[in-house]
Protein backbone atom coordinates (compact mmCIF):
# COMPACT_ATOMS: atom_id res chain seq x y z
CA MET A 1 9.14 15.13 14.39
CA ARG A 2 12.75 14.01 14.95
CA GLY A 3 11.48 11.15 17.10
CA LEU A 4 9.09 10.10 14.33
CA LEU A 5 11.86 10.13 11.72
CA ALA A 6 14.13 8.09 13.98
CA LEU A 7 11.43 5.49 14.46
CA CYS A 8 10.86 5.22 10.72
CA LEU A 9 14.56 4.77 10.00
CA LEU A 10 15.44 2.40 12.83
CA ILE A 11 12.27 0.43 13.67
CA PRO A 12 13.75 -2.10 16.08
CA SER A 13 12.46 -5.64 16.52
CA VAL A 14 10.41 -6.48 19.60
CA GLU A 15 11.49 -9.50 21.60
CA ALA A 16 8.52 -11.72 22.33
CA PHE A 17 7.40 -15.22 23.18
CA ALA A 18 7.31 -17.72 20.32
CA VAL A 19 3.61 -17.52 19.56
CA GLU A 20 3.16 -17.62 15.82
CA GLY A 21 1.33 -19.30 13.01
CA VAL A 22 -0.97 -19.26 10.01
CA GLU A 23 -4.64 -20.10 10.37
CA CYS A 24 -7.53 -20.25 7.93
CA LEU A 25 -10.70 -18.49 9.06
CA ASP A 26 -13.89 -16.81 7.91
CA TYR A 27 -13.69 -13.02 8.25
CA ARG A 28 -16.06 -10.23 7.27
CA GLY A 29 -18.20 -12.49 5.11
CA TYR A 30 -15.28 -14.09 3.25
CA LYS A 31 -14.51 -17.79 3.39
CA ASN A 32 -10.95 -19.09 3.75
CA CYS A 33 -9.09 -15.95 4.74
CA TYR A 34 -5.60 -16.41 6.14
CA ARG A 35 -4.35 -14.93 9.40
CA LEU A 36 -0.60 -14.58 9.95
CA PHE A 37 0.24 -13.88 13.56
CA ASN A 38 2.94 -13.68 16.20
CA SER A 39 2.86 -12.32 19.74
CA VAL A 40 3.26 -8.77 18.41
CA ALA A 41 1.03 -8.37 15.37
CA SER A 42 -1.64 -9.98 13.22
CA VAL A 43 -2.36 -9.83 9.48
CA ILE A 44 -5.48 -11.10 7.69
CA VAL A 45 -5.47 -11.52 3.90
CA VAL A 46 -8.44 -12.40 1.71
CA PRO A 47 -7.67 -14.50 -1.40
CA GLU A 48 -11.17 -14.45 -2.90
CA SER A 49 -11.43 -10.66 -3.28
CA GLY A 50 -8.33 -9.14 -4.82
CA GLY A 51 -5.68 -10.80 -2.66
CA ARG A 52 -5.71 -7.80 -0.33
CA VAL A 53 -5.07 -7.21 3.38
CA LEU A 54 -8.20 -6.80 5.48
CA ALA A 55 -6.45 -6.28 8.81
CA TYR A 56 -2.99 -5.24 9.97
CA SER A 57 -3.23 -5.09 13.73
CA LEU A 58 -1.13 -4.32 16.79
CA GLY A 59 -2.64 -5.19 20.16
CA GLY A 60 -5.93 -5.95 18.45
CA ARG A 61 -6.11 -2.52 16.77
CA ASN A 62 -6.42 -2.58 12.99
CA VAL A 63 -4.75 0.42 11.31
CA LEU A 64 -6.49 -0.26 7.98
CA TYR A 65 -9.76 1.30 6.89
CA GLU A 66 -12.80 -0.98 7.05
CA ASN A 67 -16.05 -0.36 5.21
CA ARG A 68 -18.40 -2.99 6.56
CA GLU A 69 -20.77 -2.42 3.64
CA ASN A 70 -18.14 -4.24 1.58
CA ASP A 71 -18.24 -7.41 3.68
CA GLY A 72 -18.30 -10.43 1.39
CA LYS A 73 -18.03 -8.42 -1.82
CA SER A 74 -15.89 -9.71 -4.69
CA PHE A 75 -15.92 -9.86 -8.46
CA ALA A 76 -17.84 -13.13 -8.14
CA THR A 77 -20.67 -11.40 -6.20
CA GLU A 78 -20.65 -7.96 -7.84
CA GLY A 79 -19.55 -8.61 -11.43
CA ASN A 80 -19.08 -5.31 -13.24
CA LYS A 81 -20.84 -3.23 -10.57
CA SER A 82 -18.75 -0.30 -9.36
CA TRP A 83 -17.54 -0.58 -5.76
CA GLU A 84 -14.44 0.49 -3.85
CA PRO A 85 -12.62 -2.30 -1.97
CA ASP A 86 -11.21 -1.37 1.43
CA GLY A 87 -8.11 -2.40 3.38
CA GLY A 88 -4.65 -2.94 1.96
CA ARG A 89 -5.29 -3.01 -1.77
CA PHE A 90 -2.74 -3.67 -4.53
CA ASP A 91 -2.86 -2.72 -8.19
CA ILE A 92 -0.77 -2.15 -11.30
CA GLY A 93 -0.60 0.91 -13.52
CA PRO A 94 -0.20 3.49 -14.97
CA GLU A 95 -3.71 4.50 -13.99
CA ILE A 96 -4.63 6.46 -17.11
CA THR A 97 -3.47 3.96 -19.74
CA ILE A 98 -4.05 0.50 -18.26
CA PRO A 99 -7.13 -1.42 -19.43
CA ARG A 100 -9.74 -2.63 -16.94
CA HIS A 101 -8.40 -5.65 -15.08
CA PRO A 102 -10.92 -6.74 -12.41
CA SER A 103 -9.44 -10.24 -12.22
CA LEU A 104 -6.26 -8.71 -10.73
CA TRP A 105 -7.93 -5.90 -8.76
CA ILE A 106 -10.87 -7.71 -7.11
CA GLY A 107 -10.77 -11.20 -8.59
CA PRO A 108 -9.97 -14.49 -6.84
CA TYR A 109 -6.43 -15.52 -5.89
CA GLN A 110 -5.23 -19.03 -5.11
CA ALA A 111 -3.61 -19.40 -1.69
CA LYS A 112 -0.67 -21.53 -0.60
CA VAL A 113 0.89 -21.57 2.87
CA LEU A 114 4.67 -21.24 2.51
CA SER A 115 5.76 -21.39 6.16
CA SER A 116 4.56 -20.78 9.71
CA ARG A 117 4.16 -17.03 9.03
CA SER A 118 3.98 -16.80 5.24
CA VAL A 119 1.34 -17.27 2.56
CA ARG A 120 1.40 -16.89 -1.22
CA LEU A 121 -1.54 -15.59 -3.26
CA THR A 122 -1.60 -16.11 -7.04
CA SER A 123 -4.01 -14.32 -9.36
CA GLU A 124 -5.76 -15.62 -12.41
CA LYS A 125 -4.11 -14.98 -15.78
CA ASP A 126 -5.43 -11.63 -17.03
CA SER A 127 -5.74 -11.33 -20.81
CA ALA A 128 -6.38 -7.56 -20.78
CA THR A 129 -2.98 -6.74 -19.28
CA GLY A 130 -1.22 -9.94 -20.34
CA CYS A 131 -0.15 -10.51 -16.74
CA GLN A 132 -0.40 -12.73 -13.70
CA ILE A 133 0.49 -11.59 -10.17
CA ILE A 134 2.13 -13.64 -7.43
CA ARG A 135 2.00 -12.01 -4.00
CA ASP A 136 3.90 -13.27 -0.93
CA PHE A 137 3.06 -12.07 2.59
CA THR A 138 5.57 -12.86 5.37
CA LEU A 139 5.24 -11.71 8.98
CA GLU A 140 8.56 -11.60 10.83
CA LYS A 141 9.02 -13.77 13.92
CA ASN A 142 9.35 -11.22 16.72
CA SER A 143 8.11 -7.91 15.30
CA SER A 144 5.28 -6.31 13.39
CA GLN A 145 7.33 -6.27 10.18
CA LEU A 146 5.27 -7.53 7.24
CA LYS A 147 7.11 -8.17 4.00
CA VAL A 148 4.93 -7.97 0.88
CA THR A 149 6.65 -9.13 -2.30
CA GLN A 150 4.79 -8.86 -5.56
CA LYS A 151 5.87 -10.54 -8.78
CA LEU A 152 4.41 -9.54 -12.15
CA VAL A 153 4.69 -12.19 -14.88
CA ASN A 154 4.07 -11.58 -18.58
CA ILE A 155 1.89 -14.57 -19.55
CA SER A 156 1.06 -13.16 -23.00
CA THR A 157 2.72 -13.45 -26.40
CA ARG A 158 3.51 -9.73 -26.61
CA PRO A 159 5.69 -7.28 -24.66
CA VAL A 160 3.95 -5.48 -21.78
CA GLU A 161 4.97 -2.49 -19.67
CA TRP A 162 3.41 -1.91 -16.26
CA CYS A 163 4.31 -0.72 -12.77
CA PHE A 164 3.20 -1.75 -9.30
CA TRP A 165 0.83 0.60 -7.51
CA SER A 166 0.20 -0.03 -3.82
CA ARG A 167 -3.12 1.49 -2.72
CA THR A 168 -3.37 0.98 1.04
CA PHE A 169 -6.45 2.41 2.73
CA ALA A 170 -5.61 3.42 6.32
CA ARG A 171 -7.98 4.77 8.95
CA SER A 172 -8.68 8.47 8.76
CA GLY A 173 -7.79 11.20 11.22
CA GLY A 174 -4.00 11.00 11.18
CA VAL A 175 -0.87 12.73 9.90
CA CYS A 176 1.10 11.53 6.88
CA VAL A 177 4.85 12.20 6.60
CA ILE A 178 6.81 11.87 3.32
CA PRO A 179 10.45 12.94 2.77
CA ILE A 180 10.88 15.56 0.06
CA ASN A 181 13.42 15.13 -2.71
CA PRO A 182 15.88 18.07 -2.44
CA PHE A 183 16.33 17.84 -6.23
CA SER A 184 12.62 17.60 -6.97
CA ARG A 185 11.22 18.57 -10.36
CA PHE A 186 8.55 20.55 -8.52
CA PRO A 187 9.09 23.99 -6.94
CA GLN A 188 7.78 22.91 -3.54
CA GLY A 189 8.84 19.26 -3.73
CA TRP A 190 5.41 17.88 -4.57
CA GLY A 191 2.48 18.24 -6.93
CA GLN A 192 -1.20 18.54 -6.18
CA TYR A 193 -4.12 17.11 -8.15
CA GLY A 194 -6.89 19.70 -8.49
CA LYS A 195 -10.03 19.90 -10.59
CA GLY A 196 -8.01 21.04 -13.57
CA GLY A 197 -5.43 18.28 -13.22
CA LEU A 198 -1.90 18.41 -11.82
CA VAL A 199 -0.80 21.65 -10.15
CA GLN A 200 3.00 21.83 -10.01
CA ASN A 201 3.26 24.86 -7.73
CA PRO A 202 0.28 24.71 -5.34
CA GLU A 203 -0.89 27.64 -3.28
CA LYS A 204 -0.27 27.47 0.44
CA GLN A 205 -3.09 25.83 2.35
CA GLU A 206 -3.89 24.67 5.86
CA LYS A 207 -2.91 21.14 6.90
CA VAL A 208 -0.19 20.97 4.24
CA GLU A 209 3.31 22.03 5.32
CA VAL A 210 6.98 21.13 5.26
CA ARG A 211 8.71 20.16 8.50
CA GLU A 212 12.37 19.14 8.67
CA GLY A 213 12.48 18.24 5.00
CA CYS A 214 9.24 16.27 5.00
CA LEU A 215 5.83 17.00 3.54
CA THR A 216 3.24 16.57 6.30
CA LEU A 217 -0.44 16.19 5.48
CA THR A 218 -3.00 16.38 8.27
CA THR A 219 -6.54 15.06 7.84
CA ALA A 220 -8.11 16.52 5.82
CA PRO A 221 -6.67 19.26 3.57
CA LYS A 222 -8.93 21.13 1.17
CA ILE A 223 -7.38 19.31 -1.80
CA PRO A 224 -7.08 15.55 -1.10
CA LYS A 225 -4.64 14.20 -3.74
CA TYR A 226 -0.81 14.69 -3.80
CA GLY A 227 2.15 13.30 -5.70
CA ILE A 228 5.77 13.31 -4.48
CA ASP A 229 8.94 12.43 -6.41
CA SER A 230 10.72 11.29 -3.24
CA TYR A 231 13.69 8.92 -3.41
CA ALA A 232 14.02 8.29 0.35
CA GLY A 233 12.10 5.03 0.05
CA TRP A 234 9.79 5.41 3.03
CA LEU A 235 6.62 7.07 4.29
CA ALA A 236 4.84 7.07 7.64
CA TYR A 237 1.33 7.62 8.91
CA ALA A 238 0.43 8.29 12.56
CA VAL A 239 -3.18 7.73 13.63
CA ASP A 240 -4.93 6.94 16.93
CA GLY A 241 -1.73 6.15 18.82
CA LEU A 242 -0.30 3.93 16.07
CA LEU A 243 2.54 4.57 13.64
CA PHE A 244 2.25 2.78 10.30
CA ALA A 245 5.51 2.91 8.32
CA LYS A 246 6.42 1.58 4.89
CA ARG A 247 9.77 1.05 3.19
CA PHE A 248 10.15 0.25 -0.49
CA PRO A 249 12.83 0.38 -3.21
CA VAL A 250 13.30 3.49 -5.35
CA GLN A 251 15.54 4.22 -8.33
CA ALA A 252 16.69 7.79 -8.90
CA ASP A 253 17.29 6.98 -12.56
CA GLY A 254 14.24 4.70 -12.87
CA TYR A 255 11.31 5.11 -15.23
CA TYR A 256 8.32 6.13 -13.12
CA LYS A 257 5.44 6.15 -15.54
CA ASP A 258 2.40 6.89 -13.39
CA GLY A 259 1.22 10.49 -12.96
CA ALA A 260 4.11 12.92 -13.35
CA GLY A 261 6.82 10.42 -12.47
CA PHE A 262 5.84 10.24 -8.82
CA THR A 263 7.23 7.56 -6.50
CA ILE A 264 4.49 8.17 -3.92
CA GLU A 265 0.92 9.41 -4.13
CA ILE A 266 -1.35 10.26 -1.19
CA TRP A 267 -5.11 10.67 -1.05
CA ILE A 268 -6.22 12.03 2.32
CA THR A 269 -9.88 12.75 3.11
CA PRO A 270 -12.05 12.91 6.25
CA GLU A 271 -13.05 9.27 5.62
CA VAL A 272 -9.84 7.55 4.63
CA THR A 273 -6.12 8.01 3.93
CA GLU A 274 -4.63 6.19 0.94
CA LEU A 275 -0.88 5.46 1.03
CA GLU A 276 0.40 4.73 -2.48
CA PRO A 277 4.03 3.76 -3.16
CA LEU A 278 4.76 3.24 -6.87
CA SER A 279 7.39 1.11 -8.55
CA VAL A 280 9.32 1.80 -11.71
CA ALA A 281 7.68 0.62 -14.92
CA LYS A 282 9.28 -2.42 -16.54
CA ARG A 283 8.94 -3.61 -20.11
CA LEU A 284 8.66 -7.39 -20.08
CA LYS A 285 9.01 -9.82 -22.94
CA PRO A 286 6.77 -12.92 -22.92
CA GLY A 287 7.71 -15.08 -19.95
CA GLU A 288 9.69 -12.35 -18.19
CA SER A 289 8.85 -10.99 -14.73
CA PHE A 290 9.85 -8.41 -12.15
CA SER A 291 9.23 -7.96 -8.43
CA PHE A 292 8.56 -5.15 -5.96
CA THR A 293 8.79 -5.50 -2.17
CA GLU A 294 7.26 -3.32 0.51
CA ASP A 295 8.11 -3.69 4.19
CA TRP A 296 5.41 -2.59 6.62
CA TRP A 297 5.80 -1.83 10.33
CA LEU A 298 3.24 -0.99 12.98
CA MET A 299 4.09 0.35 16.45
CA GLU A 300 2.73 2.31 19.35
CA TYR A 301 3.09 6.06 18.87
CA PRO A 302 1.04 7.90 21.50
CA VAL A 303 0.32 11.52 20.69
CA LYS A 304 1.08 13.97 23.49
CA ASP A 305 -1.26 16.84 24.20
CA ASN A 306 0.15 20.30 23.47
């Protein structure tokens, strides 16, 4: 565990040959995807279906969940049909009060190459939320670090108040690690979503435990959904010899509007693990905007046999 925490906090760069670029390609039934790559890692984003990440790979191994039944699906092909996009998804919230906004969630984004390892995706203007999203993806030169900066712009004539909600689907079968807030509002440092709603003091269960100040969730606990009011600003997920780590800004005095004021939510099932950092909610006047940046890392993390 200490080694895992050290990796998450330090995450050194990897020196490598200068092999890098951005290329346009067809991938999983989508036209004009963009692949950002260097000699360490590769990222594939799809503009036409939600501006999401389809692949985040190290040594050819994609850590993100793929449902091949979704190949080629988008709002243009499915309309109002219900389907669950895979990969590295992005959304805004709060979940229980926001109106439907398929143009932001699964709609088309316009793409623009910014540099040799960076691309910008811009959503349509969404009248339901009064917003437009600009999303920049930048892969660092000599490491797996992927910087994802999202900008939310109020394009309406009224004030709006939303938060960013990252909803990354990773492959199943791993262990999720989230630092616990020592001053948490919850008796155990986290809450659990059950059939009756939020449980603030969950009963002890297998595959859910605290180790060295971190909540660890192993695939798959009896109850799949958890919320954590952590202010450490990182989480990590180890699966199949890979360690997927995220860093993101947190504000101890910020207004976290989703759920019970959680900064992180996790949904971990036998099929998929969803890693969900949340931003503060911001009230924006017409024309105003705010941004939220996540940094992703991917590295080898072989699991030793006991």
